[in-house]
N, C-alpha and C. Protein backbone atom coordinates (compact mmCIF):
# COMPACT_ATOMS: atom_id res chain seq x y z
N UNK A 1 0.87 -1.21 -0.12
CA UNK A 1 -0.06 0.04 -0.04
C UNK A 1 0.80 1.13 0.05
N UNK A 2 2.09 1.23 -0.24
CA UNK A 2 2.94 2.29 -0.26
C UNK A 2 4.07 2.18 -1.46
N UNK A 3 4.59 3.41 -1.77
CA UNK A 3 5.58 3.27 -2.74
C UNK A 3 6.82 4.22 -2.16
N UNK A 4 8.01 3.60 -2.24
CA UNK A 4 9.02 4.42 -1.72
C UNK A 4 10.01 4.77 -3.13
N UNK A 5 10.37 6.05 -3.26
CA UNK A 5 11.07 6.61 -4.27
C UNK A 5 12.38 7.11 -3.83
N UNK A 6 13.40 6.85 -4.61
CA UNK A 6 14.65 7.59 -4.46
C UNK A 6 15.13 8.32 -5.65
N UNK A 7 15.41 9.58 -5.56
CA UNK A 7 16.02 10.34 -6.72
C UNK A 7 17.23 10.82 -6.20
N UNK A 8 18.23 10.67 -7.16
CA UNK A 8 19.56 11.26 -7.12
C UNK A 8 20.11 11.94 -8.26
N UNK A 9 20.98 13.20 -7.94
CA UNK A 9 21.51 13.77 -9.04
C UNK A 9 22.86 14.43 -8.53
N UNK A 10 23.71 14.80 -9.44
CA UNK A 10 24.96 15.59 -8.95
C UNK A 10 24.78 17.01 -9.21
N UNK A 11 23.65 17.72 -9.37
CA UNK A 11 23.41 19.01 -9.54
C UNK A 11 23.70 19.83 -8.25
N UNK A 12 23.56 21.10 -8.27
CA UNK A 12 23.86 22.10 -7.40
C UNK A 12 23.06 21.41 -6.13
N UNK A 13 23.57 21.48 -4.84
CA UNK A 13 22.78 21.17 -3.69
C UNK A 13 21.37 22.01 -3.46
N UNK A 14 20.39 21.19 -3.50
CA UNK A 14 19.06 21.89 -3.40
C UNK A 14 18.32 20.98 -2.55
N UNK A 15 17.88 21.67 -1.38
CA UNK A 15 16.93 21.08 -0.30
C UNK A 15 15.47 21.43 -0.58
N UNK A 16 14.74 20.57 -1.23
CA UNK A 16 13.52 20.92 -1.48
C UNK A 16 12.44 21.13 -0.47
N UNK A 17 13.04 20.73 0.59
CA UNK A 17 12.18 20.90 1.72
C UNK A 17 12.26 22.16 2.41
N UNK A 18 13.34 23.03 1.96
CA UNK A 18 13.33 24.49 2.38
C UNK A 18 12.92 25.26 1.22
N UNK A 19 12.36 24.78 0.22
CA UNK A 19 11.78 25.54 -0.85
C UNK A 19 10.51 26.11 -0.41
N UNK A 20 10.19 27.43 -0.42
CA UNK A 20 8.98 28.16 -0.06
C UNK A 20 7.95 28.00 -1.27
N UNK A 21 6.93 27.04 -1.24
CA UNK A 21 5.89 27.01 -2.19
C UNK A 21 4.48 27.50 -1.54
N UNK A 22 4.43 28.03 -0.40
CA UNK A 22 3.28 28.28 0.05
C UNK A 22 2.36 29.20 -0.82
N UNK A 23 2.98 29.94 -1.56
CA UNK A 23 2.06 30.93 -2.16
C UNK A 23 1.75 30.47 -3.71
N UNK A 24 2.43 29.36 -3.98
CA UNK A 24 2.25 28.73 -5.37
C UNK A 24 0.71 28.65 -5.99
N UNK A 25 -0.26 28.14 -5.01
CA UNK A 25 -1.46 27.94 -5.28
C UNK A 25 -2.17 29.14 -5.57
N UNK A 26 -1.81 30.25 -4.91
CA UNK A 26 -2.61 31.54 -5.06
C UNK A 26 -2.10 32.17 -6.37
N UNK A 27 -0.91 31.73 -7.03
CA UNK A 27 -0.58 32.34 -8.16
C UNK A 27 -0.58 31.39 -9.31
N UNK A 28 -1.52 30.34 -9.32
CA UNK A 28 -1.53 29.38 -10.27
C UNK A 28 -1.55 29.81 -11.77
N UNK A 29 -2.14 31.09 -11.86
CA UNK A 29 -2.23 31.50 -13.32
C UNK A 29 -1.13 32.15 -13.85
N UNK A 30 -0.06 32.53 -13.03
CA UNK A 30 1.24 33.07 -13.33
C UNK A 30 2.38 32.21 -12.91
N UNK A 31 2.33 30.90 -13.03
CA UNK A 31 3.47 30.01 -12.52
C UNK A 31 4.61 30.19 -13.50
N UNK A 32 5.74 30.27 -12.98
CA UNK A 32 6.96 30.39 -13.53
C UNK A 32 7.54 29.00 -13.68
N UNK A 33 8.29 28.79 -14.73
CA UNK A 33 9.00 27.34 -15.01
C UNK A 33 9.77 26.89 -13.67
N UNK A 34 9.47 25.51 -13.23
CA UNK A 34 10.34 25.03 -12.21
C UNK A 34 9.44 25.03 -10.96
N UNK A 35 9.79 24.03 -9.98
CA UNK A 35 8.99 23.84 -8.84
C UNK A 35 7.78 23.30 -8.79
N UNK A 36 7.24 22.87 -9.93
CA UNK A 36 5.89 22.17 -10.00
C UNK A 36 5.80 20.84 -9.32
N UNK A 37 7.03 20.05 -9.53
CA UNK A 37 7.06 18.71 -9.00
C UNK A 37 7.10 18.72 -7.43
N UNK A 38 7.88 19.76 -7.05
CA UNK A 38 7.86 19.79 -5.62
C UNK A 38 6.50 20.20 -4.90
N UNK A 39 5.83 21.12 -5.57
CA UNK A 39 4.52 21.54 -5.17
C UNK A 39 3.63 20.27 -5.22
N UNK A 40 3.63 19.37 -6.10
CA UNK A 40 2.88 18.19 -6.18
C UNK A 40 3.21 17.19 -5.37
N UNK A 41 4.44 16.73 -4.91
CA UNK A 41 4.92 15.64 -4.25
C UNK A 41 4.65 15.93 -2.88
N UNK A 42 4.89 17.09 -2.06
CA UNK A 42 4.76 17.35 -0.91
C UNK A 42 3.47 16.98 -0.17
N UNK A 43 2.33 17.21 -0.81
CA UNK A 43 1.05 17.04 -0.27
C UNK A 43 0.68 15.44 -0.30
N UNK A 44 1.18 14.88 -1.39
CA UNK A 44 0.80 13.37 -1.65
C UNK A 44 1.90 12.42 -0.83
N UNK A 45 2.89 13.17 -0.28
CA UNK A 45 3.73 12.02 0.52
C UNK A 45 3.60 12.14 1.83
N UNK A 46 3.98 10.87 2.49
CA UNK A 46 3.90 10.64 3.71
C UNK A 46 5.12 11.15 4.49
N UNK A 47 6.19 11.03 3.76
CA UNK A 47 7.48 11.44 4.23
C UNK A 47 8.35 11.71 3.16
N UNK A 48 9.12 12.89 3.22
CA UNK A 48 10.32 13.48 2.26
C UNK A 48 11.40 13.50 3.02
N UNK A 49 12.52 13.21 2.59
CA UNK A 49 13.80 13.37 3.27
C UNK A 49 14.90 13.74 2.21
N UNK A 50 15.70 14.79 2.49
CA UNK A 50 16.85 15.10 1.65
C UNK A 50 18.02 15.18 2.32
N UNK A 51 19.13 14.70 1.46
CA UNK A 51 20.53 14.71 1.99
C UNK A 51 21.45 15.01 0.97
N UNK A 52 22.51 15.58 1.06
CA UNK A 52 23.56 15.79 0.10
C UNK A 52 24.58 15.14 0.66
N UNK A 53 25.21 14.06 -0.07
CA UNK A 53 26.13 13.07 0.19
C UNK A 53 27.19 12.96 -0.93
N UNK A 54 28.47 13.15 -0.48
CA UNK A 54 29.47 12.93 -1.50
C UNK A 54 29.17 13.59 -2.77
N UNK A 55 28.76 14.76 -2.91
CA UNK A 55 28.29 15.60 -4.12
C UNK A 55 27.05 15.11 -4.76
N UNK A 56 26.28 14.24 -4.20
CA UNK A 56 24.89 13.80 -4.64
C UNK A 56 23.92 14.45 -3.90
N UNK A 57 22.93 14.99 -4.64
CA UNK A 57 21.47 15.25 -3.91
C UNK A 57 20.80 13.96 -3.89
N UNK A 58 20.17 13.80 -2.76
CA UNK A 58 19.41 12.41 -2.61
C UNK A 58 17.98 12.82 -1.95
N UNK A 59 17.06 12.46 -2.70
CA UNK A 59 15.68 12.67 -1.96
C UNK A 59 15.10 11.44 -2.03
N UNK A 60 14.50 10.93 -0.78
CA UNK A 60 13.56 9.81 -0.49
C UNK A 60 12.28 10.30 -0.32
N UNK A 61 11.58 9.68 -0.98
CA UNK A 61 9.99 9.94 -0.73
C UNK A 61 9.03 8.67 -0.57
N UNK A 62 8.09 8.87 0.53
CA UNK A 62 7.24 7.70 0.75
C UNK A 62 5.88 8.20 0.37
N UNK A 63 5.22 7.46 -0.26
CA UNK A 63 3.69 7.79 -0.56
C UNK A 63 3.10 6.60 -0.17
N UNK A 64 2.32 6.81 0.81
CA UNK A 64 1.64 5.86 1.49
C UNK A 64 0.08 6.16 1.37
N UNK A 65 -0.69 5.02 0.76
CA UNK A 65 -1.99 5.17 0.47
C UNK A 65 -2.94 5.54 1.80
N UNK A 66 -2.48 5.09 2.83
CA UNK A 66 -3.24 5.26 4.05
C UNK A 66 -3.13 6.85 4.50
N UNK A 67 -2.03 7.53 4.07
CA UNK A 67 -1.82 8.81 4.37
C UNK A 67 -2.22 9.97 3.35
N UNK A 68 -2.74 9.63 2.27
CA UNK A 68 -2.90 10.54 1.29
C UNK A 68 -4.40 10.30 0.78
N UNK A 69 -4.75 11.06 0.03
CA UNK A 69 -6.12 11.19 -0.49
C UNK A 69 -6.33 10.76 -1.89
N UNK A 70 -5.43 9.70 -2.34
CA UNK A 70 -5.30 9.20 -3.55
C UNK A 70 -6.00 7.83 -3.75
């Protein structure tokens, strides 16, 4: 009843948990490119963790059917 995802890249360090998307829904008609994935994943996820390890960005996401409205 759950899906666990891990995404890794060697891009610039970027902690999606510190990204402020609180005003995004209010500005839906004027969205700029980027950040939509973060905006969608956060409310669907039971757990999101970020780490920057040995030059790699690592994001672990848990989507648990019990804790979402999907």
